[in-house]
Amino acid sequence: MELDQQLKDLSEKYLFESTQYQTDEQTPNLEVCLQLRESHIDTFIQKAGQLNSIVESCANMVGIFDTSASKEVMLKTTIRCSGRDRLFIRTTPSMMKILVETLFD
């Protein structure tokens, strides 16, 4: 599935204020910016202590189906907050959807 469509689907499912992405030459090469609502922030705070295990779990699952990126690359995923309501996720394209779903379900 195309990145634009994945972000559109995730935005509709979770009602993010906005979503943007960019790709670059770094590894991992996809950076997604999600503008969050208050309910998203509350959910994210509840899972903040589990971020390392969430990333590892998602990398293990994606690694079964996608061999284009190594687990080592997927484990380089970073998640950072900016300002009051923006969340930046740098990951591989194949891991983006499952990671966002895991963070906000």
Protein backbone atom coordinates (compact mmCIF):
# COMPACT_ATOMS: atom_id res chain seq x y z
CA MET A 1 0.00 0.00 0.00
CA GLU A 2 1.23 3.46 -0.86
CA LEU A 3 2.42 5.71 2.00
CA ASP A 4 -0.09 8.44 1.15
CA GLN A 5 -2.95 5.95 1.39
CA GLN A 6 -1.63 4.42 4.61
CA LEU A 7 -1.45 7.84 6.27
CA LYS A 8 -4.89 8.74 4.98
CA ASP A 9 -6.33 5.49 6.37
CA LEU A 10 -4.60 5.97 9.73
CA SER A 11 -5.73 9.59 9.89
CA GLU A 12 -9.34 8.56 9.26
CA LYS A 13 -9.17 5.68 11.74
CA TYR A 14 -7.59 7.66 14.59
CA LEU A 15 -8.80 11.16 13.68
CA PHE A 16 -5.38 12.82 13.83
CA GLU A 17 -5.45 16.59 13.32
CA SER A 18 -2.95 16.18 10.48
CA THR A 19 -0.36 13.79 9.14
CA GLN A 20 2.75 14.43 7.06
CA TYR A 21 5.72 12.39 6.02
CA GLN A 22 9.06 12.70 4.35
CA THR A 23 11.63 10.20 3.21
CA ASP A 24 15.35 10.75 3.11
CA GLU A 25 18.68 8.98 2.86
CA GLN A 26 18.98 8.24 6.59
CA THR A 27 18.21 4.83 8.03
CA PRO A 28 15.38 4.33 8.77
CA ASN A 29 14.27 6.62 5.99
CA LEU A 30 10.64 7.52 6.75
CA GLU A 31 9.68 10.28 9.17
CA VAL A 32 6.01 10.73 9.95
CA CYS A 33 4.62 13.70 11.83
CA LEU A 34 1.27 13.20 13.54
CA GLN A 35 -0.60 16.13 15.03
CA LEU A 36 -2.40 14.68 18.03
CA ARG A 37 -5.65 15.38 19.82
CA GLU A 38 -5.93 15.28 23.62
CA SER A 39 -7.19 11.68 23.58
CA HIS A 40 -4.13 10.63 21.55
CA ILE A 41 -1.81 12.35 24.01
CA ASP A 42 -3.42 10.51 26.94
CA THR A 43 -3.07 7.16 25.14
CA PHE A 44 0.55 7.89 24.22
CA ILE A 45 1.43 8.87 27.80
CA GLN A 46 -0.02 5.57 29.04
CA LYS A 47 2.26 3.65 26.65
CA ALA A 48 5.35 5.85 27.01
CA GLY A 49 7.10 3.47 29.38
CA GLN A 50 6.69 0.60 26.93
CA LEU A 51 8.07 2.27 23.78
CA ASN A 52 11.19 0.10 23.52
CA SER A 53 9.22 -3.13 23.83
CA ILE A 54 6.56 -1.85 21.41
CA VAL A 55 9.20 -1.05 18.78
CA GLU A 56 10.88 -4.43 19.26
CA SER A 57 7.58 -6.29 19.07
CA CYS A 58 6.57 -4.48 15.88
CA ALA A 59 10.01 -5.12 14.36
CA ASN A 60 9.71 -8.83 15.14
CA MET A 61 6.28 -9.02 13.54
CA VAL A 62 7.16 -7.00 10.44
CA GLY A 63 10.41 -8.93 10.04
CA ILE A 64 8.42 -12.11 9.45
CA PHE A 65 6.70 -10.65 6.39
CA ASP A 66 9.14 -8.05 5.11
CA THR A 67 12.73 -8.96 4.42
CA SER A 68 13.54 -5.69 2.66
CA ALA A 69 14.66 -4.07 5.94
CA SER A 70 16.68 -5.88 8.57
CA LYS A 71 15.50 -6.11 12.14
CA GLU A 72 18.54 -4.04 13.10
CA VAL A 73 17.32 -1.19 10.87
CA MET A 74 13.76 -1.46 12.21
CA LEU A 75 15.08 -1.27 15.78
CA LYS A 76 16.59 2.12 14.94
CA THR A 77 13.04 3.49 15.00
CA THR A 78 12.77 6.71 17.00
CA ILE A 79 9.73 8.38 18.50
CA ARG A 80 9.89 11.96 19.73
CA CYS A 81 7.45 14.62 20.80
CA SER A 82 7.64 18.20 19.62
CA GLY A 83 5.67 21.05 21.04
CA ARG A 84 2.36 20.36 22.66
CA ASP A 85 0.78 18.04 20.15
CA ARG A 86 3.16 16.73 17.50
CA LEU A 87 4.66 13.26 17.44
CA PHE A 88 7.50 12.38 15.08
CA ILE A 89 8.13 8.75 14.22
CA ARG A 90 11.21 7.80 12.20
CA THR A 91 10.91 4.21 11.01
CA THR A 92 10.87 2.01 7.95
CA PRO A 93 7.86 2.31 5.63
CA SER A 94 6.85 -1.29 6.27
CA MET A 95 6.70 -0.74 10.02
CA MET A 96 4.85 2.57 10.12
CA LYS A 97 1.26 1.28 10.05
CA ILE A 98 1.62 -1.43 12.70
CA LEU A 99 3.60 0.90 14.96
CA VAL A 100 0.97 3.66 14.84
CA GLU A 101 -1.80 1.11 15.42
CA THR A 102 0.05 -0.34 18.39
CA LEU A 103 0.64 3.09 19.90
CA PHE A 104 -2.95 4.29 19.59
CA ASP A 105 -5.15 1.18 19.96
